Amino acid sequence: MFHRPYQQSDKQALIDILRANTPKYFSPADEADFIQYLDDEQWGINYVYLSPQGQVIGCAGSYLTNDDTLNLCWAFFRPGSLGYTSIPRVLADYISAAANDLGINSGATIVLNTTQMIARYLSRIGFQIDKVEPDGYGPGYDLVTMTKKSAELAIAPNVPPGQR
């Protein structure tokens, strides 16, 4: 599995993958927000993950805020597509790549908002829960804010996206 930058031609495949993860991990209301996110070009680095056969199997986004905080968003994969690869490992690789590609410093904070279903995977790679807002994403979908310091990552050397 490898990643490359998002292209507009990936949009429908990613919407289909989001739908395959709804309602288990995403609220049905999330689809409109995701489409708006894909259509808005102001965001930072967005990756598409590909199977060895070149099929889109997932995505992950990230952007920097004015205070150099790395924010992670919209990371999900087609159910069953990761095979032998564990979710924590894929997430750690994605975070390291995003931090490297956006040029964050070793003291920067990484922040993400997720649901209670995904928070358990993120805790395996060192993210700490800062806040939980019950039903923050809709009924049954708590908004969980998690953070980690970038110094806790093994950031890869500066290798262009898609060549890792």
N, C-alpha and C. Protein backbone atom coordinates (compact mmCIF):
# COMPACT_ATOMS: atom_id res chain seq x y z
N MET A 1 0.85 -1.18 0.00
CA MET A 1 0.00 0.00 0.00
C MET A 1 0.89 1.24 0.00
N PHE A 2 0.51 2.22 -0.81
CA PHE A 2 1.24 3.48 -0.82
C PHE A 2 0.27 4.62 -0.98
N HIS A 3 0.76 5.84 -0.81
CA HIS A 3 -0.12 7.00 -0.94
C HIS A 3 0.43 7.97 -1.97
N ARG A 4 -0.46 8.82 -2.43
CA ARG A 4 -0.13 9.90 -3.35
C ARG A 4 -1.06 11.06 -3.05
N PRO A 5 -0.77 12.24 -3.59
CA PRO A 5 -1.68 13.38 -3.37
C PRO A 5 -3.06 13.13 -3.96
N TYR A 6 -4.07 13.67 -3.30
CA TYR A 6 -5.45 13.60 -3.77
C TYR A 6 -5.59 14.29 -5.12
N GLN A 7 -6.41 13.70 -5.99
CA GLN A 7 -6.77 14.29 -7.28
C GLN A 7 -8.29 14.33 -7.36
N GLN A 8 -8.82 15.30 -8.06
CA GLN A 8 -10.29 15.44 -8.17
C GLN A 8 -10.93 14.16 -8.71
N SER A 9 -10.20 13.43 -9.55
CA SER A 9 -10.74 12.18 -10.11
C SER A 9 -10.94 11.09 -9.04
N ASP A 10 -10.39 11.28 -7.84
CA ASP A 10 -10.56 10.33 -6.73
C ASP A 10 -11.86 10.53 -5.96
N LYS A 11 -12.52 11.64 -6.22
CA LYS A 11 -13.65 12.08 -5.38
C LYS A 11 -14.73 11.01 -5.21
N GLN A 12 -15.24 10.44 -6.30
CA GLN A 12 -16.35 9.49 -6.18
C GLN A 12 -15.93 8.23 -5.44
N ALA A 13 -14.71 7.74 -5.68
CA ALA A 13 -14.23 6.55 -4.97
C ALA A 13 -14.19 6.82 -3.47
N LEU A 14 -13.75 8.01 -3.08
CA LEU A 14 -13.68 8.33 -1.65
C LEU A 14 -15.06 8.49 -1.03
N ILE A 15 -16.00 9.06 -1.77
CA ILE A 15 -17.38 9.15 -1.27
C ILE A 15 -17.94 7.75 -1.07
N ASP A 16 -17.68 6.86 -2.01
CA ASP A 16 -18.15 5.47 -1.89
C ASP A 16 -17.54 4.79 -0.66
N ILE A 17 -16.25 5.06 -0.40
CA ILE A 17 -15.60 4.46 0.78
C ILE A 17 -16.18 5.05 2.06
N LEU A 18 -16.45 6.34 2.08
CA LEU A 18 -17.09 6.95 3.25
C LEU A 18 -18.45 6.29 3.50
N ARG A 19 -19.22 6.11 2.44
CA ARG A 19 -20.54 5.46 2.58
C ARG A 19 -20.40 4.04 3.13
N ALA A 20 -19.34 3.33 2.73
CA ALA A 20 -19.13 1.97 3.22
C ALA A 20 -18.79 1.96 4.71
N ASN A 21 -18.34 3.09 5.24
CA ASN A 21 -18.01 3.21 6.66
C ASN A 21 -19.14 3.87 7.47
N THR A 22 -20.26 4.14 6.80
CA THR A 22 -21.42 4.78 7.43
C THR A 22 -22.51 3.72 7.58
N PRO A 23 -23.12 3.54 8.72
CA PRO A 23 -23.08 4.35 9.94
C PRO A 23 -22.12 3.83 11.01
N LYS A 24 -21.31 2.80 10.70
CA LYS A 24 -20.46 2.23 11.75
C LYS A 24 -19.49 3.26 12.33
N TYR A 25 -18.83 4.05 11.47
CA TYR A 25 -17.83 5.01 11.95
C TYR A 25 -18.20 6.46 11.69
N PHE A 26 -19.09 6.72 10.76
CA PHE A 26 -19.47 8.08 10.40
C PHE A 26 -20.98 8.23 10.43
N SER A 27 -21.41 9.42 10.80
CA SER A 27 -22.82 9.77 10.75
C SER A 27 -23.21 10.01 9.29
N PRO A 28 -24.43 9.67 8.90
CA PRO A 28 -24.87 9.98 7.54
C PRO A 28 -24.73 11.47 7.20
N ALA A 29 -24.81 12.32 8.19
CA ALA A 29 -24.68 13.76 7.95
C ALA A 29 -23.26 14.17 7.57
N ASP A 30 -22.27 13.30 7.80
CA ASP A 30 -20.88 13.64 7.51
C ASP A 30 -20.59 13.73 6.01
N GLU A 31 -21.39 13.07 5.19
CA GLU A 31 -21.09 13.05 3.76
C GLU A 31 -21.04 14.45 3.15
N ALA A 32 -22.00 15.28 3.46
CA ALA A 32 -22.00 16.64 2.90
C ALA A 32 -20.77 17.42 3.33
N ASP A 33 -20.34 17.27 4.58
CA ASP A 33 -19.13 17.94 5.06
C ASP A 33 -17.89 17.43 4.33
N PHE A 34 -17.85 16.13 4.09
CA PHE A 34 -16.70 15.56 3.40
C PHE A 34 -16.62 16.05 1.96
N ILE A 35 -17.74 16.11 1.28
CA ILE A 35 -17.76 16.61 -0.10
C ILE A 35 -17.31 18.06 -0.14
N GLN A 36 -17.77 18.86 0.80
CA GLN A 36 -17.34 20.26 0.86
C GLN A 36 -15.83 20.34 1.10
N TYR A 37 -15.32 19.49 1.98
CA TYR A 37 -13.88 19.45 2.25
C TYR A 37 -13.10 19.13 0.97
N LEU A 38 -13.56 18.12 0.23
CA LEU A 38 -12.86 17.74 -1.01
C LEU A 38 -12.89 18.86 -2.05
N ASP A 39 -13.98 19.61 -2.07
CA ASP A 39 -14.13 20.68 -3.07
C ASP A 39 -13.40 21.96 -2.71
N ASP A 40 -12.99 22.09 -1.46
CA ASP A 40 -12.32 23.31 -0.99
C ASP A 40 -10.81 23.11 -1.08
N GLU A 41 -10.16 23.85 -1.95
CA GLU A 41 -8.74 23.65 -2.21
C GLU A 41 -7.82 24.35 -1.21
N GLN A 42 -8.36 24.96 -0.17
CA GLN A 42 -7.51 25.67 0.79
C GLN A 42 -6.80 24.75 1.77
N TRP A 43 -7.19 23.50 1.83
CA TRP A 43 -6.62 22.59 2.82
C TRP A 43 -5.21 22.21 2.43
N GLY A 44 -4.46 21.70 3.38
CA GLY A 44 -3.04 21.40 3.21
C GLY A 44 -2.76 20.18 2.37
N ILE A 45 -2.31 19.13 3.00
CA ILE A 45 -1.90 17.92 2.32
C ILE A 45 -3.01 16.89 2.45
N ASN A 46 -3.45 16.36 1.33
CA ASN A 46 -4.46 15.31 1.32
C ASN A 46 -3.92 14.12 0.55
N TYR A 47 -3.94 12.97 1.18
CA TYR A 47 -3.41 11.76 0.58
C TYR A 47 -4.54 10.81 0.21
N VAL A 48 -4.29 10.05 -0.84
CA VAL A 48 -5.14 8.94 -1.22
C VAL A 48 -4.28 7.70 -1.08
N TYR A 49 -4.81 6.67 -0.45
CA TYR A 49 -4.08 5.42 -0.29
C TYR A 49 -4.54 4.45 -1.35
N LEU A 50 -3.57 3.76 -1.93
CA LEU A 50 -3.84 2.85 -3.03
C LEU A 50 -3.44 1.43 -2.67
N SER A 51 -4.19 0.49 -3.19
CA SER A 51 -3.84 -0.92 -3.04
C SER A 51 -2.65 -1.22 -3.96
N PRO A 52 -2.03 -2.38 -3.79
CA PRO A 52 -0.94 -2.74 -4.72
C PRO A 52 -1.41 -2.78 -6.19
N GLN A 53 -2.70 -2.94 -6.41
CA GLN A 53 -3.25 -2.96 -7.76
C GLN A 53 -3.60 -1.56 -8.26
N GLY A 54 -3.37 -0.53 -7.42
CA GLY A 54 -3.62 0.84 -7.83
C GLY A 54 -5.02 1.35 -7.58
N GLN A 55 -5.84 0.60 -6.86
CA GLN A 55 -7.20 1.04 -6.55
C GLN A 55 -7.21 1.90 -5.30
N VAL A 56 -8.03 2.94 -5.30
CA VAL A 56 -8.18 3.81 -4.14
C VAL A 56 -8.84 3.01 -3.02
N ILE A 57 -8.17 2.96 -1.86
CA ILE A 57 -8.74 2.22 -0.72
C ILE A 57 -8.93 3.10 0.51
N GLY A 58 -8.49 4.37 0.45
CA GLY A 58 -8.67 5.23 1.61
C GLY A 58 -8.07 6.60 1.40
N CYS A 59 -8.17 7.41 2.44
CA CYS A 59 -7.65 8.77 2.36
C CYS A 59 -7.30 9.28 3.75
N ALA A 60 -6.59 10.40 3.75
CA ALA A 60 -6.25 11.08 4.99
C ALA A 60 -5.88 12.51 4.65
N GLY A 61 -6.33 13.45 5.47
CA GLY A 61 -6.04 14.85 5.23
C GLY A 61 -5.35 15.48 6.42
N SER A 62 -4.68 16.60 6.16
CA SER A 62 -4.02 17.33 7.23
C SER A 62 -3.81 18.77 6.78
N TYR A 63 -3.71 19.65 7.76
CA TYR A 63 -3.45 21.06 7.48
C TYR A 63 -2.83 21.71 8.71
N LEU A 64 -2.11 22.81 8.47
CA LEU A 64 -1.51 23.56 9.56
C LEU A 64 -2.38 24.76 9.89
N THR A 65 -2.46 25.08 11.17
CA THR A 65 -3.12 26.31 11.58
C THR A 65 -2.06 27.37 11.80
N ASN A 66 -2.47 28.61 12.04
CA ASN A 66 -1.54 29.72 12.20
C ASN A 66 -0.53 29.51 13.33
N ASP A 67 -0.89 28.71 14.32
CA ASP A 67 0.03 28.47 15.44
C ASP A 67 0.90 27.23 15.22
N ASP A 68 1.01 26.79 13.96
CA ASP A 68 1.81 25.61 13.58
C ASP A 68 1.33 24.32 14.23
N THR A 69 0.05 24.24 14.49
CA THR A 69 -0.54 22.99 14.95
C THR A 69 -0.91 22.16 13.73
N LEU A 70 -0.50 20.91 13.72
CA LEU A 70 -0.86 19.99 12.64
C LEU A 70 -2.21 19.38 12.99
N ASN A 71 -3.18 19.62 12.14
CA ASN A 71 -4.53 19.08 12.33
C ASN A 71 -4.75 17.95 11.33
N LEU A 72 -5.22 16.84 11.83
CA LEU A 72 -5.48 15.68 10.99
C LEU A 72 -6.99 15.51 10.80
N CYS A 73 -7.38 15.11 9.61
CA CYS A 73 -8.82 15.00 9.34
C CYS A 73 -9.11 13.97 8.25
N TRP A 74 -10.30 13.47 8.26
CA TRP A 74 -10.83 12.60 7.22
C TRP A 74 -9.90 11.45 6.86
N ALA A 75 -9.51 10.68 7.84
CA ALA A 75 -8.71 9.48 7.60
C ALA A 75 -9.62 8.27 7.72
N PHE A 76 -9.79 7.55 6.61
CA PHE A 76 -10.60 6.33 6.63
C PHE A 76 -10.24 5.46 5.44
N PHE A 77 -10.61 4.18 5.54
CA PHE A 77 -10.25 3.19 4.53
C PHE A 77 -11.44 2.31 4.22
N ARG A 78 -11.42 1.73 3.03
CA ARG A 78 -12.46 0.77 2.64
C ARG A 78 -12.44 -0.38 3.65
N PRO A 79 -13.58 -0.77 4.19
CA PRO A 79 -13.60 -1.87 5.15
C PRO A 79 -12.92 -3.12 4.57
N GLY A 80 -12.03 -3.70 5.36
CA GLY A 80 -11.33 -4.92 4.97
C GLY A 80 -10.16 -4.71 4.03
N SER A 81 -9.86 -3.48 3.65
CA SER A 81 -8.82 -3.24 2.64
C SER A 81 -7.40 -3.24 3.20
N LEU A 82 -7.25 -3.09 4.50
CA LEU A 82 -5.90 -3.00 5.04
C LEU A 82 -5.22 -4.35 5.17
N GLY A 83 -5.98 -5.41 5.13
CA GLY A 83 -5.40 -6.74 5.18
C GLY A 83 -4.49 -6.92 6.37
N TYR A 84 -3.24 -7.29 6.12
CA TYR A 84 -2.29 -7.58 7.20
C TYR A 84 -1.79 -6.32 7.89
N THR A 85 -2.02 -5.15 7.31
CA THR A 85 -1.52 -3.91 7.89
C THR A 85 -2.45 -3.46 9.00
N SER A 86 -1.89 -3.16 10.14
CA SER A 86 -2.72 -2.72 11.26
C SER A 86 -3.07 -1.25 11.12
N ILE A 87 -4.21 -0.89 11.63
CA ILE A 87 -4.64 0.51 11.59
C ILE A 87 -3.66 1.42 12.32
N PRO A 88 -3.19 1.08 13.52
CA PRO A 88 -2.23 1.99 14.17
C PRO A 88 -0.97 2.24 13.35
N ARG A 89 -0.47 1.22 12.68
CA ARG A 89 0.74 1.40 11.88
C ARG A 89 0.48 2.33 10.70
N VAL A 90 -0.63 2.14 10.01
CA VAL A 90 -0.98 3.00 8.87
C VAL A 90 -1.16 4.43 9.34
N LEU A 91 -1.84 4.62 10.47
CA LEU A 91 -2.03 5.97 10.99
C LEU A 91 -0.71 6.62 11.38
N ALA A 92 0.17 5.87 12.00
CA ALA A 92 1.48 6.42 12.38
C ALA A 92 2.27 6.82 11.14
N ASP A 93 2.24 6.02 10.09
CA ASP A 93 2.94 6.35 8.85
C ASP A 93 2.35 7.60 8.21
N TYR A 94 1.03 7.70 8.21
CA TYR A 94 0.36 8.87 7.63
C TYR A 94 0.72 10.14 8.40
N ILE A 95 0.70 10.06 9.72
CA ILE A 95 1.02 11.24 10.54
C ILE A 95 2.46 11.67 10.32
N SER A 96 3.37 10.72 10.26
CA SER A 96 4.77 11.04 10.02
C SER A 96 4.95 11.68 8.65
N ALA A 97 4.29 11.16 7.63
CA ALA A 97 4.39 11.73 6.28
C ALA A 97 3.82 13.14 6.24
N ALA A 98 2.67 13.35 6.86
CA ALA A 98 2.05 14.68 6.86
C ALA A 98 2.92 15.68 7.59
N ALA A 99 3.47 15.29 8.73
CA ALA A 99 4.34 16.18 9.49
C ALA A 99 5.57 16.55 8.67
N ASN A 100 6.14 15.58 8.01
CA ASN A 100 7.32 15.83 7.18
C ASN A 100 6.97 16.72 5.99
N ASP A 101 5.91 16.40 5.28
CA ASP A 101 5.54 17.14 4.06
C ASP A 101 5.12 18.57 4.35
N LEU A 102 4.55 18.81 5.51
CA LEU A 102 4.14 20.17 5.87
C LEU A 102 5.25 20.92 6.60
N GLY A 103 6.34 20.23 6.89
CA GLY A 103 7.49 20.88 7.49
C GLY A 103 7.29 21.33 8.92
N ILE A 104 6.55 20.55 9.72
CA ILE A 104 6.35 20.97 11.11
C ILE A 104 7.61 20.71 11.91
N ASN A 105 7.78 21.51 12.95
CA ASN A 105 8.97 21.34 13.79
C ASN A 105 8.70 20.29 14.86
N SER A 106 9.76 19.88 15.51
CA SER A 106 9.66 18.77 16.46
C SER A 106 8.87 19.11 17.72
N GLY A 107 8.59 20.39 17.95
CA GLY A 107 7.82 20.76 19.13
C GLY A 107 6.35 21.02 18.84
N ALA A 108 5.95 20.87 17.61
CA ALA A 108 4.57 21.18 17.23
C ALA A 108 3.60 20.18 17.85
N THR A 109 2.37 20.63 17.99
CA THR A 109 1.30 19.78 18.51
C THR A 109 0.50 19.23 17.34
N ILE A 110 0.11 17.98 17.45
CA ILE A 110 -0.75 17.34 16.46
C ILE A 110 -2.11 17.18 17.11
N VAL A 111 -3.16 17.63 16.44
CA VAL A 111 -4.51 17.58 16.98
C VAL A 111 -5.42 16.88 15.98
N LEU A 112 -6.32 16.10 16.49
CA LEU A 112 -7.35 15.53 15.64
C LEU A 112 -8.63 15.37 16.42
N ASN A 113 -9.71 15.45 15.68
CA ASN A 113 -11.03 15.17 16.22
C ASN A 113 -11.51 13.89 15.59
N THR A 114 -12.00 13.00 16.41
CA THR A 114 -12.44 11.71 15.93
C THR A 114 -13.65 11.26 16.74
N THR A 115 -14.06 10.03 16.53
CA THR A 115 -15.16 9.47 17.31
C THR A 115 -14.59 8.49 18.34
N GLN A 116 -15.43 8.08 19.24
CA GLN A 116 -15.02 7.12 20.26
C GLN A 116 -14.61 5.79 19.64
N MET A 117 -15.12 5.47 18.44
CA MET A 117 -14.79 4.20 17.80
C MET A 117 -13.34 4.18 17.32
N ILE A 118 -12.81 5.31 16.92
CA ILE A 118 -11.45 5.39 16.38
C ILE A 118 -10.44 5.80 17.45
N ALA A 119 -10.89 6.45 18.50
CA ALA A 119 -9.98 6.92 19.55
C ALA A 119 -9.13 5.78 20.12
N ARG A 120 -9.68 4.60 20.22
CA ARG A 120 -8.92 3.48 20.78
C ARG A 120 -7.71 3.12 19.92
N TYR A 121 -7.85 3.24 18.60
CA TYR A 121 -6.71 2.97 17.72
C TYR A 121 -5.63 4.03 17.87
N LEU A 122 -6.07 5.28 17.99
CA LEU A 122 -5.13 6.39 18.11
C LEU A 122 -4.39 6.36 19.44
N SER A 123 -5.02 5.87 20.47
CA SER A 123 -4.33 5.78 21.76
C SER A 123 -3.18 4.78 21.68
N ARG A 124 -3.26 3.82 20.78
CA ARG A 124 -2.18 2.83 20.61
C ARG A 124 -0.91 3.45 20.04
N ILE A 125 -1.04 4.62 19.40
CA ILE A 125 0.16 5.28 18.86
C ILE A 125 0.45 6.57 19.63
N GLY A 126 -0.05 6.63 20.87
CA GLY A 126 0.36 7.69 21.78
C GLY A 126 -0.50 8.93 21.85
N PHE A 127 -1.64 8.97 21.18
CA PHE A 127 -2.52 10.13 21.30
C PHE A 127 -3.25 10.09 22.63
N GLN A 128 -3.41 11.26 23.22
CA GLN A 128 -4.10 11.40 24.50
C GLN A 128 -5.43 12.10 24.28
N ILE A 129 -6.45 11.66 24.97
CA ILE A 129 -7.76 12.30 24.88
C ILE A 129 -7.73 13.58 25.70
N ASP A 130 -8.09 14.69 25.03
CA ASP A 130 -8.16 15.99 25.71
C ASP A 130 -9.58 16.35 26.10
N LYS A 131 -10.53 15.96 25.26
CA LYS A 131 -11.91 16.37 25.50
C LYS A 131 -12.85 15.40 24.79
N VAL A 132 -13.99 15.14 25.43
CA VAL A 132 -15.03 14.32 24.81
C VAL A 132 -16.33 15.10 24.87
N GLU A 133 -16.95 15.29 23.73
CA GLU A 133 -18.25 15.95 23.65
C GLU A 133 -19.27 14.89 23.22
N PRO A 134 -20.07 14.39 24.17
CA PRO A 134 -21.05 13.36 23.83
C PRO A 134 -21.96 13.82 22.69
N ASP A 135 -22.15 12.93 21.72
CA ASP A 135 -23.00 13.19 20.55
C ASP A 135 -22.55 14.42 19.75
N GLY A 136 -21.27 14.79 19.84
CA GLY A 136 -20.76 15.97 19.15
C GLY A 136 -20.82 15.90 17.64
N TYR A 137 -20.82 14.69 17.10
CA TYR A 137 -20.95 14.51 15.66
C TYR A 137 -22.36 14.03 15.29
N GLY A 138 -23.22 13.92 16.27
CA GLY A 138 -24.58 13.43 16.06
C GLY A 138 -24.87 12.32 17.04
N PRO A 139 -26.12 11.88 17.13
CA PRO A 139 -26.49 10.84 18.09
C PRO A 139 -25.63 9.58 17.94
N GLY A 140 -24.94 9.22 19.03
CA GLY A 140 -24.12 8.03 19.04
C GLY A 140 -22.70 8.24 18.55
N TYR A 141 -22.36 9.45 18.13
CA TYR A 141 -21.03 9.76 17.61
C TYR A 141 -20.40 10.87 18.44
N ASP A 142 -19.68 10.46 19.49
CA ASP A 142 -19.02 11.45 20.35
C ASP A 142 -17.88 12.12 19.60
N LEU A 143 -17.68 13.41 19.84
CA LEU A 143 -16.54 14.14 19.29
C LEU A 143 -15.42 14.04 20.31
N VAL A 144 -14.35 13.35 19.94
CA VAL A 144 -13.21 13.13 20.83
C VAL A 144 -12.02 13.91 20.26
N THR A 145 -11.51 14.88 21.03
CA THR A 145 -10.33 15.63 20.63
C THR A 145 -9.11 14.99 21.28
N MET A 146 -8.12 14.67 20.42
CA MET A 146 -6.91 14.00 20.89
C MET A 146 -5.69 14.80 20.43
N THR A 147 -4.61 14.74 21.21
CA THR A 147 -3.39 15.45 20.86
C THR A 147 -2.16 14.57 21.10
N LYS A 148 -1.08 15.01 20.46
CA LYS A 148 0.22 14.37 20.61
C LYS A 148 1.27 15.38 20.17
N LYS A 149 2.42 15.36 20.77
CA LYS A 149 3.53 16.23 20.36
C LYS A 149 4.28 15.57 19.19
N SER A 150 4.65 16.38 18.20
CA SER A 150 5.34 15.82 17.05
C SER A 150 6.70 15.22 17.42
N ALA A 151 7.30 15.68 18.49
CA ALA A 151 8.58 15.12 18.93
C ALA A 151 8.45 13.64 19.26
N GLU A 152 7.23 13.18 19.50
CA GLU A 152 7.00 11.78 19.82
C GLU A 152 6.90 10.91 18.57
N LEU A 153 7.00 11.54 17.38
CA LEU A 153 6.93 10.81 16.13
C LEU A 153 8.32 10.50 15.61
N ALA A 154 8.40 9.45 14.87
CA ALA A 154 9.63 9.18 14.13
C ALA A 154 9.41 9.76 12.73
N ILE A 155 9.71 11.06 12.58
CA ILE A 155 9.46 11.72 11.31
C ILE A 155 10.53 11.29 10.32
N ALA A 156 10.06 10.82 9.16
CA ALA A 156 10.95 10.32 8.12
C ALA A 156 11.75 11.45 7.50
N PRO A 157 12.88 11.13 6.89
CA PRO A 157 13.62 12.16 6.18
C PRO A 157 12.76 12.75 5.09
N ASN A 158 13.12 13.92 4.60
CA ASN A 158 12.32 14.62 3.61
C ASN A 158 12.32 13.89 2.28
N VAL A 159 11.33 13.03 2.10
CA VAL A 159 11.16 12.27 0.87
C VAL A 159 9.88 12.75 0.23
N PRO A 160 9.90 13.05 -1.07
CA PRO A 160 8.69 13.56 -1.72
C PRO A 160 7.51 12.62 -1.56
N PRO A 161 6.27 13.18 -1.45
CA PRO A 161 5.08 12.34 -1.34
C PRO A 161 5.02 11.36 -2.51
N GLY A 162 4.56 10.15 -2.21
CA GLY A 162 4.43 9.14 -3.24
C GLY A 162 5.71 8.34 -3.48
N GLN A 163 6.83 8.73 -2.85
CA GLN A 163 8.08 8.02 -3.03
C GLN A 163 8.52 7.33 -1.74
N ARG A 164 7.63 7.22 -0.77
CA ARG A 164 7.96 6.56 0.49
C ARG A 164 7.77 5.07 0.35
